[in-house]
Amino acid sequence: MILRAALVSVSLLGLLAACGGAGGPTEVPEALPAGASSADIGDHIVHFSAQSTDQLPPLVAREYNIVRSKDRAMLNVSVIRKEDNLPVPAEIKVKTVNLTSQLKNVTMRRIDEAGPTAAIYYIGETPVANREWLIFDISVKPEGVILPTNVRFKKQFYTD
């Protein structure tokens, strides 16, 4: 019984020590909220994401002629019609800058995937540096819509 109490006490002390101890306050970094990955633009939903191209599986990168590299970012945009949840063609224009307002060239191209789960994607690539923040201003004009809608998001890239 005494041995059991001692083991429980030692275990609790170990847990406290692992948490920074019972002493002073421990600094815990604040978690940043996950950024939005879609935007409701009326009759459509715009989905967008950016990632370094080294995260793509080699077969996917080869199939779509994308250079895999931790120093390259890829923007992916798709537009879905709310009424039937189907992809729609759109005119996609992108202006991308970093935090020092340097313009990054991102030329978007359309990718159509046929089959039972047909999809339309617009992708573009640009070089990135370690810890660089990119601000993506995306102009989206779905087929049949008169005026474009602007969507903005930012992402930090790590290359090391």
C-alpha atoms as a PDB file:
ATOM      1  CA  MET A   1       0.000   0.000   0.000  1.00  0.00           C
ATOM      2  CA  ILE A   2       2.824   2.427   0.863  1.00  0.00           C
ATOM      3  CA  LEU A   3       4.696   1.385  -2.281  1.00  0.00           C
ATOM      4  CA  ARG A   4       1.573   2.071  -4.373  1.00  0.00           C
ATOM      5  CA  ALA A   5       1.127   5.522  -2.803  1.00  0.00           C
ATOM      6  CA  ALA A   6       4.797   6.305  -3.446  1.00  0.00           C
ATOM      7  CA  LEU A   7       4.511   5.261  -7.115  1.00  0.00           C
ATOM      8  CA  VAL A   8       1.408   7.412  -7.581  1.00  0.00           C
ATOM      9  CA  SER A   9       3.153  10.386  -5.940  1.00  0.00           C
ATOM     10  CA  VAL A  10       6.262   9.978  -8.109  1.00  0.00           C
ATOM     11  CA  SER A  11       4.084   9.661 -11.219  1.00  0.00           C
ATOM     12  CA  LEU A  12       2.212  12.863 -10.385  1.00  0.00           C
ATOM     13  CA  LEU A  13       5.470  14.712  -9.754  1.00  0.00           C
ATOM     14  CA  GLY A  14       6.768  13.465 -13.098  1.00  0.00           C
ATOM     15  CA  LEU A  15       3.670  14.756 -14.843  1.00  0.00           C
ATOM     16  CA  LEU A  16       4.000  18.141 -13.155  1.00  0.00           C
ATOM     17  CA  ALA A  17       7.656  18.361 -14.136  1.00  0.00           C
ATOM     18  CA  ALA A  18       6.794  17.502 -17.746  1.00  0.00           C
ATOM     19  CA  CYS A  19       4.263  20.343 -17.763  1.00  0.00           C
ATOM     20  CA  GLY A  20       6.774  22.908 -16.573  1.00  0.00           C
ATOM     21  CA  GLY A  21       6.506  22.108 -12.904  1.00  0.00           C
ATOM     22  CA  ALA A  22       4.345  23.578 -10.216  1.00  0.00           C
ATOM     23  CA  GLY A  23       6.502  26.733 -10.126  1.00  0.00           C
ATOM     24  CA  GLY A  24       5.979  29.884 -12.156  1.00  0.00           C
ATOM     25  CA  PRO A  25       3.882  30.249 -15.268  1.00  0.00           C
ATOM     26  CA  THR A  26       5.137  28.590 -18.405  1.00  0.00           C
ATOM     27  CA  GLU A  27       5.015  30.473 -21.688  1.00  0.00           C
ATOM     28  CA  VAL A  28       2.916  28.614 -24.194  1.00  0.00           C
ATOM     29  CA  PRO A  29       2.795  29.996 -27.728  1.00  0.00           C
ATOM     30  CA  GLU A  30      -0.661  30.984 -28.834  1.00  0.00           C
ATOM     31  CA  ALA A  31      -2.036  28.801 -31.601  1.00  0.00           C
ATOM     32  CA  LEU A  32      -3.010  30.678 -34.709  1.00  0.00           C
ATOM     33  CA  PRO A  33      -6.443  29.893 -36.124  1.00  0.00           C
ATOM     34  CA  ALA A  34      -6.425  27.917 -39.331  1.00  0.00           C
ATOM     35  CA  GLY A  35      -7.011  30.161 -42.308  1.00  0.00           C
ATOM     36  CA  ALA A  36     -10.088  29.908 -44.460  1.00  0.00           C
ATOM     37  CA  SER A  37      -9.837  27.584 -47.425  1.00  0.00           C
ATOM     38  CA  SER A  38     -13.071  28.535 -49.157  1.00  0.00           C
ATOM     39  CA  ALA A  39     -15.247  31.560 -49.800  1.00  0.00           C
ATOM     40  CA  ASP A  40     -18.966  31.839 -50.501  1.00  0.00           C
ATOM     41  CA  ILE A  41     -19.424  34.162 -53.484  1.00  0.00           C
ATOM     42  CA  GLY A  42     -23.179  33.980 -54.025  1.00  0.00           C
ATOM     43  CA  ASP A  43     -24.194  31.029 -56.194  1.00  0.00           C
ATOM     44  CA  HIS A  44     -20.701  29.523 -55.985  1.00  0.00           C
ATOM     45  CA  ILE A  45     -18.100  28.395 -53.481  1.00  0.00           C
ATOM     46  CA  VAL A  46     -14.440  29.088 -54.255  1.00  0.00           C
ATOM     47  CA  HIS A  47     -11.969  26.598 -52.765  1.00  0.00           C
ATOM     48  CA  PHE A  48      -8.330  27.644 -52.553  1.00  0.00           C
ATOM     49  CA  SER A  49      -5.107  26.354 -51.077  1.00  0.00           C
ATOM     50  CA  ALA A  50      -1.377  26.877 -51.352  1.00  0.00           C
ATOM     51  CA  GLN A  51       1.406  24.469 -50.508  1.00  0.00           C
ATOM     52  CA  SER A  52       4.997  23.781 -51.399  1.00  0.00           C
ATOM     53  CA  THR A  53       5.199  21.510 -54.407  1.00  0.00           C
ATOM     54  CA  ASP A  54       7.456  18.994 -52.628  1.00  0.00           C
ATOM     55  CA  GLN A  55       4.312  17.880 -50.756  1.00  0.00           C
ATOM     56  CA  LEU A  56       2.794  16.552 -53.976  1.00  0.00           C
ATOM     57  CA  PRO A  57       3.151  12.832 -54.664  1.00  0.00           C
ATOM     58  CA  PRO A  58       5.728  12.294 -57.455  1.00  0.00           C
ATOM     59  CA  LEU A  59       3.190  10.686 -59.807  1.00  0.00           C
ATOM     60  CA  VAL A  60       0.774  13.616 -59.464  1.00  0.00           C
ATOM     61  CA  ALA A  61       3.546  16.164 -60.030  1.00  0.00           C
ATOM     62  CA  ARG A  62       4.747  14.301 -63.118  1.00  0.00           C
ATOM     63  CA  GLU A  63       1.222  13.919 -64.527  1.00  0.00           C
ATOM     64  CA  TYR A  64       0.533  17.657 -64.271  1.00  0.00           C
ATOM     65  CA  ASN A  65       4.046  18.827 -65.159  1.00  0.00           C
ATOM     66  CA  ILE A  66       4.747  20.387 -61.754  1.00  0.00           C
ATOM     67  CA  VAL A  67       8.307  20.706 -60.454  1.00  0.00           C
ATOM     68  CA  ARG A  68       8.510  19.215 -56.942  1.00  0.00           C
ATOM     69  CA  SER A  69      10.559  21.495 -54.698  1.00  0.00           C
ATOM     70  CA  LYS A  70      10.388  22.893 -51.185  1.00  0.00           C
ATOM     71  CA  ASP A  71      11.310  26.258 -52.789  1.00  0.00           C
ATOM     72  CA  ARG A  72       8.206  26.372 -55.007  1.00  0.00           C
ATOM     73  CA  ALA A  73       4.668  27.200 -53.970  1.00  0.00           C
ATOM     74  CA  MET A  74       1.584  26.005 -55.790  1.00  0.00           C
ATOM     75  CA  LEU A  75      -1.781  27.757 -55.677  1.00  0.00           C
ATOM     76  CA  ASN A  76      -4.852  25.614 -56.339  1.00  0.00           C
ATOM     77  CA  VAL A  77      -8.291  27.157 -56.981  1.00  0.00           C
ATOM     78  CA  SER A  78     -11.595  25.498 -57.849  1.00  0.00           C
ATOM     79  CA  VAL A  79     -15.129  26.824 -58.189  1.00  0.00           C
ATOM     80  CA  ILE A  80     -18.216  24.795 -57.242  1.00  0.00           C
ATOM     81  CA  ARG A  81     -21.816  25.726 -58.066  1.00  0.00           C
ATOM     82  CA  LYS A  82     -23.888  25.533 -54.872  1.00  0.00           C
ATOM     83  CA  GLU A  83     -27.081  24.424 -56.636  1.00  0.00           C
ATOM     84  CA  ASP A  84     -25.733  21.032 -57.738  1.00  0.00           C
ATOM     85  CA  ASN A  85     -22.277  20.879 -56.116  1.00  0.00           C
ATOM     86  CA  LEU A  86     -20.607  20.585 -59.533  1.00  0.00           C
ATOM     87  CA  PRO A  87     -17.407  22.258 -60.717  1.00  0.00           C
ATOM     88  CA  VAL A  88     -17.763  25.169 -63.111  1.00  0.00           C
ATOM     89  CA  PRO A  89     -15.275  26.843 -65.428  1.00  0.00           C
ATOM     90  CA  ALA A  90     -14.177  30.272 -64.290  1.00  0.00           C
ATOM     91  CA  GLU A  91     -11.892  33.109 -65.239  1.00  0.00           C
ATOM     92  CA  ILE A  92      -9.199  33.105 -62.540  1.00  0.00           C
ATOM     93  CA  LYS A  93      -6.659  35.916 -62.217  1.00  0.00           C
ATOM     94  CA  VAL A  94      -4.124  36.079 -59.415  1.00  0.00           C
ATOM     95  CA  LYS A  95      -1.949  38.844 -58.027  1.00  0.00           C
ATOM     96  CA  THR A  96       0.545  37.583 -55.467  1.00  0.00           C
ATOM     97  CA  VAL A  97       2.904  39.665 -53.332  1.00  0.00           C
ATOM     98  CA  ASN A  98       5.104  39.007 -50.330  1.00  0.00           C
ATOM     99  CA  LEU A  99       5.185  41.184 -47.201  1.00  0.00           C
ATOM    100  CA  THR A 100       7.702  43.560 -48.790  1.00  0.00           C
ATOM    101  CA  SER A 101       5.242  44.089 -51.682  1.00  0.00           C
ATOM    102  CA  GLN A 102       7.403  42.222 -54.184  1.00  0.00           C
ATOM    103  CA  LEU A 103       5.181  40.956 -56.968  1.00  0.00           C
ATOM    104  CA  LYS A 104       5.338  37.185 -57.499  1.00  0.00           C
ATOM    105  CA  ASN A 105       4.429  35.892 -60.940  1.00  0.00           C
ATOM    106  CA  VAL A 106       1.750  33.183 -60.719  1.00  0.00           C
ATOM    107  CA  THR A 107       0.326  32.156 -64.081  1.00  0.00           C
ATOM    108  CA  MET A 108      -2.748  30.008 -63.621  1.00  0.00           C
ATOM    109  CA  ARG A 109      -3.589  27.090 -65.866  1.00  0.00           C
ATOM    110  CA  ARG A 110      -6.695  24.968 -66.058  1.00  0.00           C
ATOM    111  CA  ILE A 111      -6.738  21.251 -65.313  1.00  0.00           C
ATOM    112  CA  ASP A 112      -9.810  19.166 -66.181  1.00  0.00           C
ATOM    113  CA  GLU A 113     -10.289  15.754 -64.604  1.00  0.00           C
ATOM    114  CA  ALA A 114     -12.911  13.576 -66.261  1.00  0.00           C
ATOM    115  CA  GLY A 115     -14.718  10.641 -64.756  1.00  0.00           C
ATOM    116  CA  PRO A 116     -17.429  10.033 -62.187  1.00  0.00           C
ATOM    117  CA  THR A 117     -15.971  12.726 -59.919  1.00  0.00           C
ATOM    118  CA  ALA A 118     -15.210  15.313 -62.583  1.00  0.00           C
ATOM    119  CA  ALA A 119     -13.220  18.310 -61.406  1.00  0.00           C
ATOM    120  CA  ILE A 120     -11.863  21.582 -62.732  1.00  0.00           C
ATOM    121  CA  TYR A 121      -8.776  23.022 -61.041  1.00  0.00           C
ATOM    122  CA  TYR A 122      -6.736  26.112 -61.700  1.00  0.00           C
ATOM    123  CA  ILE A 123      -3.129  25.859 -60.567  1.00  0.00           C
ATOM    124  CA  GLY A 124      -0.136  28.158 -60.647  1.00  0.00           C
ATOM    125  CA  GLU A 125       3.390  28.041 -59.235  1.00  0.00           C
ATOM    126  CA  THR A 126       5.940  30.538 -57.961  1.00  0.00           C
ATOM    127  CA  PRO A 127       9.311  30.415 -56.168  1.00  0.00           C
ATOM    128  CA  VAL A 128       9.312  30.997 -52.384  1.00  0.00           C
ATOM    129  CA  ALA A 129      11.946  31.642 -49.732  1.00  0.00           C
ATOM    130  CA  ASN A 130      12.093  30.209 -46.230  1.00  0.00           C
ATOM    131  CA  ARG A 131       9.530  31.796 -43.879  1.00  0.00           C
ATOM    132  CA  GLU A 132       8.160  33.940 -46.714  1.00  0.00           C
ATOM    133  CA  TRP A 133       4.542  35.078 -46.438  1.00  0.00           C
ATOM    134  CA  LEU A 134       2.601  35.310 -49.697  1.00  0.00           C
ATOM    135  CA  ILE A 135      -0.620  37.247 -50.058  1.00  0.00           C
ATOM    136  CA  PHE A 136      -2.849  35.835 -52.797  1.00  0.00           C
ATOM    137  CA  ASP A 137      -5.448  38.176 -54.312  1.00  0.00           C
ATOM    138  CA  ILE A 138      -7.639  35.992 -56.496  1.00  0.00           C
ATOM    139  CA  SER A 139     -10.199  37.397 -58.937  1.00  0.00           C
ATOM    140  CA  VAL A 140     -12.872  34.773 -59.644  1.00  0.00           C
ATOM    141  CA  LYS A 141     -15.491  35.078 -62.392  1.00  0.00           C
ATOM    142  CA  PRO A 142     -17.493  31.851 -62.734  1.00  0.00           C
ATOM    143  CA  GLU A 143     -18.946  31.055 -66.150  1.00  0.00           C
ATOM    144  CA  GLY A 144     -22.244  32.924 -66.595  1.00  0.00           C
ATOM    145  CA  VAL A 145     -21.466  35.549 -63.953  1.00  0.00           C
ATOM    146  CA  ILE A 146     -21.019  39.153 -65.087  1.00  0.00           C
ATOM    147  CA  LEU A 147     -18.722  40.622 -62.412  1.00  0.00           C
ATOM    148  CA  PRO A 148     -15.723  38.965 -60.765  1.00  0.00           C
ATOM    149  CA  THR A 149     -15.408  38.515 -57.009  1.00  0.00           C
ATOM    150  CA  ASN A 150     -12.129  38.987 -55.168  1.00  0.00           C
ATOM    151  CA  VAL A 151     -10.841  36.527 -52.595  1.00  0.00           C
ATOM    152  CA  ARG A 152      -7.724  37.138 -50.482  1.00  0.00           C
ATOM    153  CA  PHE A 153      -5.681  34.863 -48.261  1.00  0.00           C
ATOM    154  CA  LYS A 154      -2.117  34.641 -47.047  1.00  0.00           C
ATOM    155  CA  LYS A 155       0.185  31.766 -46.243  1.00  0.00           C
ATOM    156  CA  GLN A 156       3.671  31.379 -44.858  1.00  0.00           C
ATOM    157  CA  PHE A 157       6.066  28.907 -46.466  1.00  0.00           C
ATOM    158  CA  TYR A 158       8.948  27.045 -44.852  1.00  0.00           C
ATOM    159  CA  THR A 159      11.755  25.700 -47.003  1.00  0.00           C
ATOM    160  CA  ASP A 160      14.311  24.597 -44.397  1.00  0.00           C
END
